[in-house]
C-alpha cells in the first residue's frame, strides 16, 4: 500500500514525510483491516513530526480516519465487510487500570495514540481492534466525517470540561479545525450564549470564517472583548493566549486547553492578575471512546458541517505546512480513495 512515512523528527518545512510502498498486515484476533478513504490533518501531527510529542519511528501519522472494512480477523464479529467506520486518536488503552475502570481511559498509562504509538491513516489501509472503531452516521460524507473524529470529538470533550451553561459567554482562542466545529456545537447546545473568537490577526482566514459563521465578536488575541468570559477554550499552539484568556476570564471561570503540546512556553502569569478569584486552568488529555461515540451522535443531529480543504495523500507535507501557517480555513483532509 502507499503510505506517507515519518522516519526522523524534522521541521515540516523540510518535507519529512516520504511516500513509500509498505506491506499490508492481515488482521488477527479481533482486528479489522480498513481501506481508508479519507484522513483528517491535525496539529498533533505537527507535534509528532517536529519532535514535541514522543512518537514511535518510523511511523505513519494520521488519526482522523474514515474507511471501509476490507477484511476481518478470525475473532472479529462486531462489524461486517464493507461497513464504513472511523478511527480516532485513541488506538488502544489497557482496560484494566484505575483510570480505565473509571471511564477515564484517556489517562491510562498504556494509552496508545493512532498515528503516534501505532501506524495511522496517512495510508491506504489501517489495522485496528474492532472495539476502537466507530460507525459513521449516514448524514456525513467521508471528507466531512474525518475531522469529526478528533477535531470534533476532542472539542466536544473540551466543551464538557468548561462546565458551560446556556446564556454564558465563551471565548474561543484560535479558530481552526476544532474550534469551528465547537462553534456549531455551542450554537446547538447553548442557543442563548455568546461566542467571542480570538485569532492571530484581523482579516486572516480563521477570523473571516468566524465572522461568516456568526460569532458575536471577533478580535485579535491581546484585545479586550466587550465583556468578561465565563469560560474559554484555547486551541492555539503558542503560550501567550493562556495569559490573555485568563486576563479576560470572569471570576470563577475556567480555561480549558484543548491541545497536547505548546510550541512556545506559557510565561509571565501573575497570580493576582490571572489566577486569583478562583479562576481555573484545565487541560484536555487525549480522548475516550465514549467521547467519540457521544459526539458522533450529537453531530449527526445538528448536523455539523465542517469546512474542508482537500489534499491528495502525497500532498501531506504541503497540507501540514499550510496548517502551520494558517493558510486555509476549517479542516484539512487527505483524500486517499475517491
C-alpha atoms as a PDB file:
ATOM      1  CA  UNK A   1       0.000   0.000   0.000  1.00  0.00           C
ATOM      2  CA  UNK A   2       1.003   3.650  -0.422  1.00  0.00           C
ATOM      3  CA  UNK A   3       1.760   5.486   2.808  1.00  0.00           C
ATOM      4  CA  UNK A   4       3.365   8.738   3.938  1.00  0.00           C
ATOM      5  CA  UNK A   5       6.047   7.662   6.413  1.00  0.00           C
ATOM      6  CA  UNK A   6       7.949   9.680   9.029  1.00  0.00           C
ATOM      7  CA  UNK A   7      11.419   8.291   9.766  1.00  0.00           C
ATOM      8  CA  UNK A   8      13.041  11.203  11.616  1.00  0.00           C
ATOM      9  CA  UNK A   9      11.614  14.166  13.533  1.00  0.00           C
ATOM     10  CA  UNK A  10      12.210  17.279  11.452  1.00  0.00           C
ATOM     11  CA  UNK A  11      10.619  20.680  10.745  1.00  0.00           C
ATOM     12  CA  UNK A  12       7.665  20.304   8.400  1.00  0.00           C
ATOM     13  CA  UNK A  13       9.358  22.824   6.078  1.00  0.00           C
ATOM     14  CA  UNK A  14      11.845  20.053   5.170  1.00  0.00           C
ATOM     15  CA  UNK A  15       9.105  17.751   3.781  1.00  0.00           C
ATOM     16  CA  UNK A  16       9.880  14.931   6.256  1.00  0.00           C
ATOM     17  CA  UNK A  17       7.021  12.643   5.219  1.00  0.00           C
ATOM     18  CA  UNK A  18       8.076  10.271   2.430  1.00  0.00           C
ATOM     19  CA  UNK A  19       5.691   8.410   0.119  1.00  0.00           C
ATOM     20  CA  UNK A  20       6.544   4.717   0.276  1.00  0.00           C
ATOM     21  CA  UNK A  21       5.085   1.350  -0.655  1.00  0.00           C
ATOM     22  CA  UNK A  22       4.728  -0.638   2.594  1.00  0.00           C
ATOM     23  CA  UNK A  23       3.274  -4.097   3.297  1.00  0.00           C
ATOM     24  CA  UNK A  24      -0.341  -4.552   4.369  1.00  0.00           C
ATOM     25  CA  UNK A  25      -0.630  -6.638   7.557  1.00  0.00           C
ATOM     26  CA  UNK A  26      -3.522  -9.076   7.694  1.00  0.00           C
ATOM     27  CA  UNK A  27      -5.886  -8.849  10.701  1.00  0.00           C
ATOM     28  CA  UNK A  28      -5.563 -11.305  13.587  1.00  0.00           C
ATOM     29  CA  UNK A  29      -7.875 -11.988  16.522  1.00  0.00           C
ATOM     30  CA  UNK A  30     -10.452  -9.198  16.775  1.00  0.00           C
ATOM     31  CA  UNK A  31      -8.626  -6.830  14.449  1.00  0.00           C
ATOM     32  CA  UNK A  32     -10.165  -5.329  11.330  1.00  0.00           C
ATOM     33  CA  UNK A  33      -8.488  -4.059   8.186  1.00  0.00           C
ATOM     34  CA  UNK A  34      -9.906  -0.783   6.912  1.00  0.00           C
ATOM     35  CA  UNK A  35      -9.412   0.520   3.388  1.00  0.00           C
ATOM     36  CA  UNK A  36      -9.039   4.250   4.024  1.00  0.00           C
ATOM     37  CA  UNK A  37     -10.951   6.825   2.006  1.00  0.00           C
ATOM     38  CA  UNK A  38     -10.123   9.997   3.981  1.00  0.00           C
ATOM     39  CA  UNK A  39      -7.897  11.121   6.842  1.00  0.00           C
ATOM     40  CA  UNK A  40      -8.006  14.477   8.577  1.00  0.00           C
ATOM     41  CA  UNK A  41      -4.919  16.633   9.077  1.00  0.00           C
ATOM     42  CA  UNK A  42      -4.335  17.628  12.713  1.00  0.00           C
ATOM     43  CA  UNK A  43      -1.907  19.923  14.533  1.00  0.00           C
ATOM     44  CA  UNK A  44      -0.939  16.947  16.717  1.00  0.00           C
ATOM     45  CA  UNK A  45       0.753  15.523  13.614  1.00  0.00           C
ATOM     46  CA  UNK A  46       2.946  18.630  13.569  1.00  0.00           C
ATOM     47  CA  UNK A  47       3.872  17.953  17.205  1.00  0.00           C
ATOM     48  CA  UNK A  48       4.849  14.396  16.277  1.00  0.00           C
ATOM     49  CA  UNK A  49       6.719  15.301  13.102  1.00  0.00           C
ATOM     50  CA  UNK A  50       8.622  18.204  14.641  1.00  0.00           C
ATOM     51  CA  UNK A  51       9.596  16.277  17.770  1.00  0.00           C
ATOM     52  CA  UNK A  52       7.477  17.883  20.503  1.00  0.00           C
ATOM     53  CA  UNK A  53       5.488  14.681  21.077  1.00  0.00           C
ATOM     54  CA  UNK A  54       7.324  11.356  21.599  1.00  0.00           C
ATOM     55  CA  UNK A  55       6.481   9.087  18.676  1.00  0.00           C
ATOM     56  CA  UNK A  56       7.492   5.633  17.516  1.00  0.00           C
ATOM     57  CA  UNK A  57       9.725   5.816  14.454  1.00  0.00           C
ATOM     58  CA  UNK A  58       9.225   5.049  11.697  1.00  0.00           C
ATOM     59  CA  UNK A  59       5.516   5.829  11.857  1.00  0.00           C
ATOM     60  CA  UNK A  60       2.597   6.513   9.541  1.00  0.00           C
ATOM     61  CA  UNK A  61       0.815   9.564  11.049  1.00  0.00           C
ATOM     62  CA  UNK A  62      -2.901  10.330  10.973  1.00  0.00           C
ATOM     63  CA  UNK A  63      -5.720   9.770  13.455  1.00  0.00           C
ATOM     64  CA  UNK A  64      -8.950  11.105  11.885  1.00  0.00           C
ATOM     65  CA  UNK A  65      -9.639   8.124   9.667  1.00  0.00           C
ATOM     66  CA  UNK A  66     -12.650   7.066   7.630  1.00  0.00           C
ATOM     67  CA  UNK A  67     -12.675   3.802   5.696  1.00  0.00           C
ATOM     68  CA  UNK A  68     -14.493   0.609   4.874  1.00  0.00           C
ATOM     69  CA  UNK A  69     -13.800  -2.869   6.192  1.00  0.00           C
ATOM     70  CA  UNK A  70     -11.701  -4.839   3.744  1.00  0.00           C
ATOM     71  CA  UNK A  71     -11.014  -7.873   5.947  1.00  0.00           C
ATOM     72  CA  UNK A  72     -11.812  -9.231   9.419  1.00  0.00           C
ATOM     73  CA  UNK A  73      -9.710 -11.138  11.905  1.00  0.00           C
ATOM     74  CA  UNK A  74     -10.965 -14.658  12.772  1.00  0.00           C
ATOM     75  CA  UNK A  75     -12.499 -13.480  16.073  1.00  0.00           C
ATOM     76  CA  UNK A  76     -13.919 -10.158  14.876  1.00  0.00           C
ATOM     77  CA  UNK A  77     -17.736 -10.142  14.921  1.00  0.00           C
ATOM     78  CA  UNK A  78     -18.804  -6.595  15.736  1.00  0.00           C
ATOM     79  CA  UNK A  79     -18.898  -5.314  12.163  1.00  0.00           C
ATOM     80  CA  UNK A  80     -19.272  -6.643   8.619  1.00  0.00           C
ATOM     81  CA  UNK A  81     -17.177  -6.468   5.443  1.00  0.00           C
ATOM     82  CA  UNK A  82     -17.814  -3.227   3.587  1.00  0.00           C
ATOM     83  CA  UNK A  83     -19.128  -1.306   6.620  1.00  0.00           C
ATOM     84  CA  UNK A  84     -17.949   2.308   6.938  1.00  0.00           C
ATOM     85  CA  UNK A  85     -16.102   3.048  10.175  1.00  0.00           C
ATOM     86  CA  UNK A  86     -13.980   5.751  11.753  1.00  0.00           C
ATOM     87  CA  UNK A  87     -10.795   5.561  13.812  1.00  0.00           C
ATOM     88  CA  UNK A  88      -9.889   8.313  16.272  1.00  0.00           C
ATOM     89  CA  UNK A  89      -6.858   9.338  18.366  1.00  0.00           C
ATOM     90  CA  UNK A  90      -7.440   6.555  20.921  1.00  0.00           C
ATOM     91  CA  UNK A  91      -5.910   3.453  19.331  1.00  0.00           C
ATOM     92  CA  UNK A  92      -5.783   1.343  22.497  1.00  0.00           C
ATOM     93  CA  UNK A  93      -5.955   1.505  26.315  1.00  0.00           C
ATOM     94  CA  UNK A  94      -5.296  -1.282  28.807  1.00  0.00           C
ATOM     95  CA  UNK A  95      -8.890  -1.588  30.056  1.00  0.00           C
ATOM     96  CA  UNK A  96      -7.688  -2.737  33.480  1.00  0.00           C
ATOM     97  CA  UNK A  97      -6.157   0.214  35.343  1.00  0.00           C
ATOM     98  CA  UNK A  98      -7.894   2.543  37.796  1.00  0.00           C
ATOM     99  CA  UNK A  99      -8.390   5.150  35.078  1.00  0.00           C
ATOM    100  CA  UNK A 100      -9.936   2.743  32.573  1.00  0.00           C
ATOM    101  CA  UNK A 101     -12.220   1.355  35.280  1.00  0.00           C
ATOM    102  CA  UNK A 102     -13.486   4.898  35.990  1.00  0.00           C
ATOM    103  CA  UNK A 103     -14.210   5.671  32.332  1.00  0.00           C
ATOM    104  CA  UNK A 104     -11.033   7.751  32.068  1.00  0.00           C
ATOM    105  CA  UNK A 105      -9.175   5.580  29.564  1.00  0.00           C
ATOM    106  CA  UNK A 106      -7.724   8.791  28.115  1.00  0.00           C
ATOM    107  CA  UNK A 107      -5.498   8.938  31.231  1.00  0.00           C
ATOM    108  CA  UNK A 108      -4.376   5.303  31.016  1.00  0.00           C
ATOM    109  CA  UNK A 109      -0.577   4.945  31.349  1.00  0.00           C
ATOM    110  CA  UNK A 110      -0.712   2.468  28.454  1.00  0.00           C
ATOM    111  CA  UNK A 111      -2.782   4.742  26.215  1.00  0.00           C
ATOM    112  CA  UNK A 112      -1.749   4.420  22.564  1.00  0.00           C
ATOM    113  CA  UNK A 113      -2.346   7.207  20.070  1.00  0.00           C
ATOM    114  CA  UNK A 114      -3.267   6.369  16.484  1.00  0.00           C
ATOM    115  CA  UNK A 115      -0.563   7.551  14.109  1.00  0.00           C
ATOM    116  CA  UNK A 116       1.784   8.100  17.059  1.00  0.00           C
ATOM    117  CA  UNK A 117       2.236   4.867  19.026  1.00  0.00           C
ATOM    118  CA  UNK A 118       0.757   2.796  16.177  1.00  0.00           C
ATOM    119  CA  UNK A 119       0.594   3.387  12.425  1.00  0.00           C
ATOM    120  CA  UNK A 120      -2.234   5.661  11.369  1.00  0.00           C
ATOM    121  CA  UNK A 121      -4.219   6.966   8.449  1.00  0.00           C
ATOM    122  CA  UNK A 122      -1.808   8.664   6.043  1.00  0.00           C
ATOM    123  CA  UNK A 123      -2.022   5.428   4.081  1.00  0.00           C
ATOM    124  CA  UNK A 124      -4.360   3.249   2.046  1.00  0.00           C
ATOM    125  CA  UNK A 125      -5.064   0.765   4.866  1.00  0.00           C
ATOM    126  CA  UNK A 126      -5.042   0.610   8.661  1.00  0.00           C
ATOM    127  CA  UNK A 127      -5.262  -2.286  11.104  1.00  0.00           C
ATOM    128  CA  UNK A 128      -7.257  -1.615  14.296  1.00  0.00           C
ATOM    129  CA  UNK A 129      -9.030  -3.547  17.063  1.00  0.00           C
ATOM    130  CA  UNK A 130     -12.771  -3.629  16.425  1.00  0.00           C
ATOM    131  CA  UNK A 131     -13.520  -2.073  19.845  1.00  0.00           C
ATOM    132  CA  UNK A 132     -11.683   1.086  18.793  1.00  0.00           C
ATOM    133  CA  UNK A 133     -13.607   1.800  15.589  1.00  0.00           C
ATOM    134  CA  UNK A 134     -16.916   3.621  15.230  1.00  0.00           C
ATOM    135  CA  UNK A 135     -19.802   3.531  12.737  1.00  0.00           C
ATOM    136  CA  UNK A 136     -20.110   6.816  10.828  1.00  0.00           C
ATOM    137  CA  UNK A 137     -23.618   8.342  10.651  1.00  0.00           C
ATOM    138  CA  UNK A 138     -25.039   8.328   7.121  1.00  0.00           C
ATOM    139  CA  UNK A 139     -25.534  12.104   7.114  1.00  0.00           C
ATOM    140  CA  UNK A 140     -21.797  12.691   6.608  1.00  0.00           C
ATOM    141  CA  UNK A 141     -19.667  12.299   3.501  1.00  0.00           C
ATOM    142  CA  UNK A 142     -16.282  10.692   4.132  1.00  0.00           C
ATOM    143  CA  UNK A 143     -14.397  14.003   3.954  1.00  0.00           C
ATOM    144  CA  UNK A 144     -16.894  15.618   6.366  1.00  0.00           C
ATOM    145  CA  UNK A 145     -16.665  12.766   8.874  1.00  0.00           C
ATOM    146  CA  UNK A 146     -12.856  12.721   9.094  1.00  0.00           C
ATOM    147  CA  UNK A 147     -12.425  15.979  11.108  1.00  0.00           C
ATOM    148  CA  UNK A 148     -15.192  14.903  13.497  1.00  0.00           C
ATOM    149  CA  UNK A 149     -13.053  12.029  14.777  1.00  0.00           C
ATOM    150  CA  UNK A 150     -10.517  14.268  16.534  1.00  0.00           C
ATOM    151  CA  UNK A 151     -11.081  17.979  15.973  1.00  0.00           C
ATOM    152  CA  UNK A 152     -14.764  17.436  16.698  1.00  0.00           C
ATOM    153  CA  UNK A 153     -14.622  14.775  19.391  1.00  0.00           C
ATOM    154  CA  UNK A 154     -11.783  16.366  21.373  1.00  0.00           C
ATOM    155  CA  UNK A 155     -13.573  19.695  21.037  1.00  0.00           C
ATOM    156  CA  UNK A 156     -16.671  18.038  22.487  1.00  0.00           C
ATOM    157  CA  UNK A 157     -14.648  16.807  25.463  1.00  0.00           C
ATOM    158  CA  UNK A 158     -13.134  20.268  25.949  1.00  0.00           C
ATOM    159  CA  UNK A 159     -16.549  21.901  25.890  1.00  0.00           C
ATOM    160  CA  UNK A 160     -17.865  19.455  28.508  1.00  0.00           C
ATOM    161  CA  UNK A 161     -14.883  20.264  30.719  1.00  0.00           C
ATOM    162  CA  UNK A 162     -15.676  24.010  30.674  1.00  0.00           C
ATOM    163  CA  UNK A 163     -18.895  23.326  32.606  1.00  0.00           C
ATOM    164  CA  UNK A 164     -20.602  25.892  30.350  1.00  0.00           C
ATOM    165  CA  UNK A 165     -24.285  26.719  30.805  1.00  0.00           C
ATOM    166  CA  UNK A 166     -26.729  28.324  28.398  1.00  0.00           C
ATOM    167  CA  UNK A 167     -26.602  32.117  28.485  1.00  0.00           C
ATOM    168  CA  UNK A 168     -22.921  32.298  29.394  1.00  0.00           C
ATOM    169  CA  UNK A 169     -20.193  33.879  27.279  1.00  0.00           C
ATOM    170  CA  UNK A 170     -17.400  31.688  25.945  1.00  0.00           C
ATOM    171  CA  UNK A 171     -14.131  32.736  24.358  1.00  0.00           C
ATOM    172  CA  UNK A 172     -12.514  30.617  21.648  1.00  0.00           C
ATOM    173  CA  UNK A 173      -8.785  31.318  21.323  1.00  0.00           C
ATOM    174  CA  UNK A 174      -7.852  30.091  17.867  1.00  0.00           C
ATOM    175  CA  UNK A 175     -10.417  29.229  15.205  1.00  0.00           C
ATOM    176  CA  UNK A 176      -9.078  26.277  13.286  1.00  0.00           C
ATOM    177  CA  UNK A 177     -10.372  22.773  12.709  1.00  0.00           C
ATOM    178  CA  UNK A 178     -11.515  22.054  16.266  1.00  0.00           C
ATOM    179  CA  UNK A 179     -12.895  25.495  17.166  1.00  0.00           C
ATOM    180  CA  UNK A 180     -15.019  25.914  14.035  1.00  0.00           C
ATOM    181  CA  UNK A 181     -16.674  22.580  14.861  1.00  0.00           C
ATOM    182  CA  UNK A 182     -17.020  23.552  18.546  1.00  0.00           C
ATOM    183  CA  UNK A 183     -18.728  26.738  17.387  1.00  0.00           C
ATOM    184  CA  UNK A 184     -21.539  24.747  15.757  1.00  0.00           C
ATOM    185  CA  UNK A 185     -21.834  22.545  18.842  1.00  0.00           C
ATOM    186  CA  UNK A 186     -22.094  25.560  21.167  1.00  0.00           C
ATOM    187  CA  UNK A 187     -24.772  27.168  18.995  1.00  0.00           C
ATOM    188  CA  UNK A 188     -26.821  23.965  19.228  1.00  0.00           C
ATOM    189  CA  UNK A 189     -26.343  23.172  22.927  1.00  0.00           C
ATOM    190  CA  UNK A 190     -26.352  26.751  24.280  1.00  0.00           C
ATOM    191  CA  UNK A 191     -28.529  28.808  21.922  1.00  0.00           C
ATOM    192  CA  UNK A 192     -28.663  31.977  24.076  1.00  0.00           C
ATOM    193  CA  UNK A 193     -24.915  32.095  24.767  1.00  0.00           C
ATOM    194  CA  UNK A 194     -22.438  34.499  23.198  1.00  0.00           C
ATOM    195  CA  UNK A 195     -19.288  33.347  21.399  1.00  0.00           C
ATOM    196  CA  UNK A 196     -16.230  35.600  21.237  1.00  0.00           C
ATOM    197  CA  UNK A 197     -13.424  34.492  18.899  1.00  0.00           C
ATOM    198  CA  UNK A 198      -9.763  35.484  19.210  1.00  0.00           C
ATOM    199  CA  UNK A 199      -7.456  34.878  16.230  1.00  0.00           C
ATOM    200  CA  UNK A 200      -3.853  35.607  15.310  1.00  0.00           C
ATOM    201  CA  UNK A 201      -4.651  38.731  13.307  1.00  0.00           C
ATOM    202  CA  UNK A 202      -7.615  40.595  11.841  1.00  0.00           C
ATOM    203  CA  UNK A 203      -8.544  39.577   8.322  1.00  0.00           C
ATOM    204  CA  UNK A 204      -6.824  36.191   8.420  1.00  0.00           C
ATOM    205  CA  UNK A 205      -8.636  33.081   7.199  1.00  0.00           C
ATOM    206  CA  UNK A 206      -9.777  31.943  10.688  1.00  0.00           C
ATOM    207  CA  UNK A 207     -11.200  35.372  11.592  1.00  0.00           C
ATOM    208  CA  UNK A 208     -13.060  35.551   8.276  1.00  0.00           C
ATOM    209  CA  UNK A 209     -14.547  32.119   8.914  1.00  0.00           C
ATOM    210  CA  UNK A 210     -15.618  33.142  12.442  1.00  0.00           C
ATOM    211  CA  UNK A 211     -17.377  36.216  11.097  1.00  0.00           C
ATOM    212  CA  UNK A 212     -19.016  34.192   8.332  1.00  0.00           C
ATOM    213  CA  UNK A 213     -20.339  31.710  10.896  1.00  0.00           C
ATOM    214  CA  UNK A 214     -21.839  34.462  13.051  1.00  0.00           C
ATOM    215  CA  UNK A 215     -19.535  34.947  16.038  1.00  0.00           C
ATOM    216  CA  UNK A 216     -20.790  37.645  18.414  1.00  0.00           C
ATOM    217  CA  UNK A 217     -17.361  39.310  18.417  1.00  0.00           C
ATOM    218  CA  UNK A 218     -14.091  38.610  16.587  1.00  0.00           C
ATOM    219  CA  UNK A 219     -10.772  40.144  17.592  1.00  0.00           C
ATOM    220  CA  UNK A 220      -7.050  39.554  17.813  1.00  0.00           C
ATOM    221  CA  UNK A 221      -5.532  37.757  20.774  1.00  0.00           C
ATOM    222  CA  UNK A 222      -4.442  40.626  23.008  1.00  0.00           C
ATOM    223  CA  UNK A 223      -7.585  42.702  22.507  1.00  0.00           C
ATOM    224  CA  UNK A 224     -10.139  43.151  25.280  1.00  0.00           C
ATOM    225  CA  UNK A 225     -13.598  41.817  24.355  1.00  0.00           C
ATOM    226  CA  UNK A 226     -16.869  43.657  25.110  1.00  0.00           C
ATOM    227  CA  UNK A 227     -17.435  41.656  28.303  1.00  0.00           C
ATOM    228  CA  UNK A 228     -15.757  39.124  30.556  1.00  0.00           C
ATOM    229  CA  UNK A 229     -15.689  35.453  29.594  1.00  0.00           C
ATOM    230  CA  UNK A 230     -17.460  32.878  31.746  1.00  0.00           C
ATOM    231  CA  UNK A 231     -15.276  30.177  30.198  1.00  0.00           C
ATOM    232  CA  UNK A 232     -12.754  29.815  27.405  1.00  0.00           C
ATOM    233  CA  UNK A 233     -11.137  27.172  25.206  1.00  0.00           C
ATOM    234  CA  UNK A 234      -7.595  27.553  23.876  1.00  0.00           C
ATOM    235  CA  UNK A 235      -6.610  25.581  20.762  1.00  0.00           C
ATOM    236  CA  UNK A 236      -3.585  27.670  19.795  1.00  0.00           C
ATOM    237  CA  UNK A 237      -0.020  26.311  19.502  1.00  0.00           C
ATOM    238  CA  UNK A 238       1.641  29.176  21.385  1.00  0.00           C
ATOM    239  CA  UNK A 239       1.834  30.131  25.052  1.00  0.00           C
ATOM    240  CA  UNK A 240       0.692  33.779  25.105  1.00  0.00           C
ATOM    241  CA  UNK A 241      -3.074  33.170  24.599  1.00  0.00           C
ATOM    242  CA  UNK A 242      -3.201  31.413  28.001  1.00  0.00           C
ATOM    243  CA  UNK A 243      -2.357  34.675  29.764  1.00  0.00           C
ATOM    244  CA  UNK A 244      -4.816  36.583  27.588  1.00  0.00           C
ATOM    245  CA  UNK A 245      -7.613  34.108  28.219  1.00  0.00           C
ATOM    246  CA  UNK A 246      -7.097  34.305  31.980  1.00  0.00           C
ATOM    247  CA  UNK A 247      -6.922  38.108  31.857  1.00  0.00           C
ATOM    248  CA  UNK A 248     -10.349  38.202  30.231  1.00  0.00           C
ATOM    249  CA  UNK A 249     -11.903  35.431  32.323  1.00  0.00           C
ATOM    250  CA  UNK A 250     -14.594  36.270  34.855  1.00  0.00           C
ATOM    251  CA  UNK A 251     -14.000  35.313  38.479  1.00  0.00           C
ATOM    252  CA  UNK A 252     -14.832  31.636  38.977  1.00  0.00           C
ATOM    253  CA  UNK A 253     -14.351  30.987  35.245  1.00  0.00           C
ATOM    254  CA  UNK A 254     -12.460  28.112  33.670  1.00  0.00           C
ATOM    255  CA  UNK A 255      -9.987  27.957  30.799  1.00  0.00           C
ATOM    256  CA  UNK A 256      -9.720  24.587  29.054  1.00  0.00           C
ATOM    257  CA  UNK A 257      -6.632  23.965  26.948  1.00  0.00           C
ATOM    258  CA  UNK A 258      -7.613  21.775  24.014  1.00  0.00           C
ATOM    259  CA  UNK A 259      -4.224  20.609  22.708  1.00  0.00           C
ATOM    260  CA  UNK A 260      -1.408  18.194  23.510  1.00  0.00           C
ATOM    261  CA  UNK A 261       1.652  20.423  23.192  1.00  0.00           C
ATOM    262  CA  UNK A 262       2.537  24.128  23.047  1.00  0.00           C
ATOM    263  CA  UNK A 263       5.250  25.235  20.638  1.00  0.00           C
ATOM    264  CA  UNK A 264       6.254  28.157  22.894  1.00  0.00           C
ATOM    265  CA  UNK A 265       6.252  28.422  26.716  1.00  0.00           C
ATOM    266  CA  UNK A 266       3.445  29.809  28.859  1.00  0.00           C
ATOM    267  CA  UNK A 267       5.164  32.712  30.613  1.00  0.00           C
ATOM    268  CA  UNK A 268       4.523  35.777  32.792  1.00  0.00           C
ATOM    269  CA  UNK A 269       1.464  34.500  34.643  1.00  0.00           C
ATOM    270  CA  UNK A 270       0.744  36.688  37.652  1.00  0.00           C
ATOM    271  CA  UNK A 271      -1.279  35.078  40.413  1.00  0.00           C
ATOM    272  CA  UNK A 272      -3.228  38.236  41.321  1.00  0.00           C
ATOM    273  CA  UNK A 273      -3.973  39.298  37.738  1.00  0.00           C
ATOM    274  CA  UNK A 274      -4.567  35.946  36.085  1.00  0.00           C
ATOM    275  CA  UNK A 275      -5.484  33.241  38.621  1.00  0.00           C
ATOM    276  CA  UNK A 276      -6.849  34.852  41.760  1.00  0.00           C
ATOM    277  CA  UNK A 277     -10.645  34.932  42.021  1.00  0.00           C
ATOM    278  CA  UNK A 278     -10.985  31.134  41.757  1.00  0.00           C
ATOM    279  CA  UNK A 279     -10.129  31.082  38.054  1.00  0.00           C
ATOM    280  CA  UNK A 280      -9.157  27.637  36.800  1.00  0.00           C
ATOM    281  CA  UNK A 281      -6.953  26.170  34.084  1.00  0.00           C
ATOM    282  CA  UNK A 282      -7.660  22.624  32.915  1.00  0.00           C
ATOM    283  CA  UNK A 283      -6.003  20.594  30.185  1.00  0.00           C
ATOM    284  CA  UNK A 284      -7.589  18.075  27.850  1.00  0.00           C
ATOM    285  CA  UNK A 285      -5.591  14.847  27.746  1.00  0.00           C
ATOM    286  CA  UNK A 286      -6.373  12.515  24.862  1.00  0.00           C
ATOM    287  CA  UNK A 287      -9.905  11.201  24.392  1.00  0.00           C
ATOM    288  CA  UNK A 288     -12.169   8.310  25.373  1.00  0.00           C
ATOM    289  CA  UNK A 289     -14.262   6.063  23.164  1.00  0.00           C
ATOM    290  CA  UNK A 290     -17.368   7.421  24.866  1.00  0.00           C
ATOM    291  CA  UNK A 291     -16.407  10.949  23.776  1.00  0.00           C
ATOM    292  CA  UNK A 292     -16.240   9.821  20.153  1.00  0.00           C
ATOM    293  CA  UNK A 293     -19.496   7.873  20.266  1.00  0.00           C
ATOM    294  CA  UNK A 294     -21.454  10.623  22.021  1.00  0.00           C
ATOM    295  CA  UNK A 295     -20.102  13.330  19.753  1.00  0.00           C
ATOM    296  CA  UNK A 296     -20.892  11.485  16.516  1.00  0.00           C
ATOM    297  CA  UNK A 297     -24.488  11.112  17.698  1.00  0.00           C
ATOM    298  CA  UNK A 298     -24.974  14.795  18.512  1.00  0.00           C
ATOM    299  CA  UNK A 299     -23.021  15.882  15.409  1.00  0.00           C
ATOM    300  CA  UNK A 300     -25.479  13.953  13.226  1.00  0.00           C
ATOM    301  CA  UNK A 301     -28.467  15.583  14.953  1.00  0.00           C
ATOM    302  CA  UNK A 302     -27.271  19.154  14.398  1.00  0.00           C
ATOM    303  CA  UNK A 303     -25.877  18.276  11.742  1.00  0.00           C
ATOM    304  CA  UNK A 304     -22.357  19.695  11.958  1.00  0.00           C
ATOM    305  CA  UNK A 305     -20.784  20.651   8.631  1.00  0.00           C
ATOM    306  CA  UNK A 306     -17.007  21.121   8.756  1.00  0.00           C
ATOM    307  CA  UNK A 307     -15.431  23.449   6.231  1.00  0.00           C
ATOM    308  CA  UNK A 308     -12.904  21.234   4.454  1.00  0.00           C
ATOM    309  CA  UNK A 309      -9.787  21.833   2.380  1.00  0.00           C
ATOM    310  CA  UNK A 310      -8.968  18.656   0.420  1.00  0.00           C
ATOM    311  CA  UNK A 311      -5.486  17.338  -0.378  1.00  0.00           C
ATOM    312  CA  UNK A 312      -4.127  14.200  -2.047  1.00  0.00           C
ATOM    313  CA  UNK A 313      -2.205  11.688   0.075  1.00  0.00           C
ATOM    314  CA  UNK A 314       1.103  12.710  -1.483  1.00  0.00           C
ATOM    315  CA  UNK A 315       0.385  16.352  -0.549  1.00  0.00           C
ATOM    316  CA  UNK A 316       0.501  15.625   3.195  1.00  0.00           C
ATOM    317  CA  UNK A 317       3.643  17.716   3.764  1.00  0.00           C
ATOM    318  CA  UNK A 318       2.049  20.658   1.967  1.00  0.00           C
ATOM    319  CA  UNK A 319      -1.188  20.268   3.934  1.00  0.00           C
ATOM    320  CA  UNK A 320       0.679  20.315   7.243  1.00  0.00           C
ATOM    321  CA  UNK A 321       2.813  23.297   6.252  1.00  0.00           C
ATOM    322  CA  UNK A 322      -0.320  25.236   5.279  1.00  0.00           C
ATOM    323  CA  UNK A 323      -1.879  24.248   8.617  1.00  0.00           C
ATOM    324  CA  UNK A 324       1.184  25.531  10.478  1.00  0.00           C
ATOM    325  CA  UNK A 325       0.983  28.844   8.610  1.00  0.00           C
ATOM    326  CA  UNK A 326      -2.795  29.193   8.985  1.00  0.00           C
ATOM    327  CA  UNK A 327      -3.291  29.300   5.229  1.00  0.00           C
ATOM    328  CA  UNK A 328      -6.701  27.642   4.958  1.00  0.00           C
ATOM    329  CA  UNK A 329      -9.998  27.759   6.777  1.00  0.00           C
ATOM    330  CA  UNK A 330     -11.521  24.920   8.761  1.00  0.00           C
ATOM    331  CA  UNK A 331     -10.171  21.387   8.434  1.00  0.00           C
ATOM    332  CA  UNK A 332      -7.603  19.836   6.120  1.00  0.00           C
ATOM    333  CA  UNK A 333      -8.409  16.338   4.850  1.00  0.00           C
ATOM    334  CA  UNK A 334      -6.322  13.905   2.814  1.00  0.00           C
ATOM    335  CA  UNK A 335      -8.444  12.140   0.200  1.00  0.00           C
ATOM    336  CA  UNK A 336      -6.980   8.635  -0.042  1.00  0.00           C
ATOM    337  CA  UNK A 337      -9.622   6.972  -2.206  1.00  0.00           C
ATOM    338  CA  UNK A 338     -12.459   8.680  -4.057  1.00  0.00           C
END
